[in-house]
């Protein structure tokens, strides 16, 4: 992990506006980078060990971008936000 990547992950943890899932992934990657085991990291972060391994692999392959949620399959929403807000 580069110093710049570590700074980005730490900044996510300091911000109260960081989505919870992203903050958990950042915490997990930082713990793993400091030498913590997958088992202990999964217990601390509250994610299963397979999920920790998945995010670690994505971080290794894609860097910071790999920690963001990808597009999910499925049909797009039927209603627009405009319809929901005005309704």
Protein backbone atom coordinates (compact mmCIF):
# COMPACT_ATOMS: atom_id res chain seq x y z
CA UNK A 1 0.00 0.00 0.00
CA UNK A 2 1.31 3.41 -0.93
CA UNK A 3 1.32 6.34 1.44
CA UNK A 4 -1.22 8.10 -0.76
CA UNK A 5 -3.60 5.12 -0.62
CA UNK A 6 -3.24 4.97 3.15
CA UNK A 7 -4.03 8.69 3.41
CA UNK A 8 -7.17 8.27 1.30
CA UNK A 9 -8.42 5.33 3.39
CA UNK A 10 -7.74 7.18 6.65
CA UNK A 11 -9.57 10.25 5.34
CA UNK A 12 -12.62 8.08 4.59
CA UNK A 13 -12.62 6.91 8.21
CA UNK A 14 -12.45 10.47 9.53
CA UNK A 15 -15.38 11.73 7.43
CA UNK A 16 -18.85 11.28 8.87
CA UNK A 17 -20.29 11.30 5.34
CA UNK A 18 -18.45 8.16 4.17
CA UNK A 19 -20.93 5.34 3.49
CA UNK A 20 -20.75 2.62 6.14
CA UNK A 21 -19.79 -0.14 3.69
CA UNK A 22 -16.95 1.90 2.25
CA UNK A 23 -15.68 2.74 5.74
CA UNK A 24 -15.72 -0.95 6.71
CA UNK A 25 -13.72 -1.83 3.61
CA UNK A 26 -11.22 0.94 4.34
CA UNK A 27 -10.81 -0.23 7.94
CA UNK A 28 -10.32 -3.83 6.78
CA UNK A 29 -7.67 -2.92 4.20
CA UNK A 30 -5.80 -0.77 6.72
CA UNK A 31 -5.85 -3.57 9.28
CA UNK A 32 -4.61 -6.12 6.75
CA UNK A 33 -1.86 -3.75 5.62
CA UNK A 34 -0.69 -3.40 9.22
CA UNK A 35 -0.26 -7.19 9.45
CA UNK A 36 -3.57 -8.24 11.01
CA UNK A 37 -5.01 -11.63 10.07
CA UNK A 38 -8.09 -12.10 7.89
CA UNK A 39 -9.89 -13.80 10.79
CA UNK A 40 -9.28 -11.01 13.31
CA UNK A 41 -10.03 -8.33 10.71
CA UNK A 42 -13.36 -9.94 9.83
CA UNK A 43 -14.35 -10.10 13.51
CA UNK A 44 -13.41 -6.47 14.14
CA UNK A 45 -15.02 -5.04 11.01
CA UNK A 46 -18.14 -7.20 11.18
CA UNK A 47 -17.83 -8.81 7.76
CA UNK A 48 -17.33 -12.44 6.87
CA UNK A 49 -13.82 -13.62 6.09
CA UNK A 50 -14.73 -14.44 2.45
CA UNK A 51 -15.90 -10.84 2.00
CA UNK A 52 -12.68 -9.49 3.53
CA UNK A 53 -10.68 -11.64 1.12
CA UNK A 54 -12.79 -10.43 -1.82
CA UNK A 55 -12.23 -6.75 -0.99
CA UNK A 56 -8.53 -7.34 -0.36
CA UNK A 57 -8.20 -9.00 -3.76
CA UNK A 58 -10.07 -6.13 -5.43
CA UNK A 59 -7.83 -3.60 -3.67
CA UNK A 60 -4.70 -5.42 -4.85
CA UNK A 61 -6.00 -5.61 -8.42
CA UNK A 62 -7.66 -2.19 -8.76
CA UNK A 63 -6.37 -0.04 -5.90
CA UNK A 64 -8.74 2.47 -4.25
CA UNK A 65 -11.25 2.17 -7.10
CA UNK A 66 -11.73 -1.51 -6.27
CA UNK A 67 -13.28 -0.65 -2.90
CA UNK A 68 -16.28 1.12 -4.41
CA UNK A 69 -19.50 -0.79 -5.02
CA UNK A 70 -19.87 -1.92 -8.60
CA UNK A 71 -22.98 -1.69 -10.69
CA UNK A 72 -25.54 -4.24 -9.70
CA UNK A 73 -27.36 -6.37 -12.22
CA UNK A 74 -31.07 -6.06 -12.68
CA UNK A 75 -33.73 -3.91 -14.16
CA UNK A 76 -33.43 -0.14 -13.65
CA UNK A 77 -36.02 1.51 -11.36
CA UNK A 78 -39.46 2.03 -12.88
CA UNK A 79 -40.15 5.33 -11.11
CA UNK A 80 -38.01 8.41 -11.36
CA UNK A 81 -36.89 10.30 -8.25
CA UNK A 82 -38.97 13.24 -9.43
CA UNK A 83 -42.09 11.11 -9.27
CA UNK A 84 -41.26 9.85 -5.77
CA UNK A 85 -40.46 13.31 -4.34
CA UNK A 86 -43.54 15.00 -5.75
CA UNK A 87 -45.85 12.12 -4.83
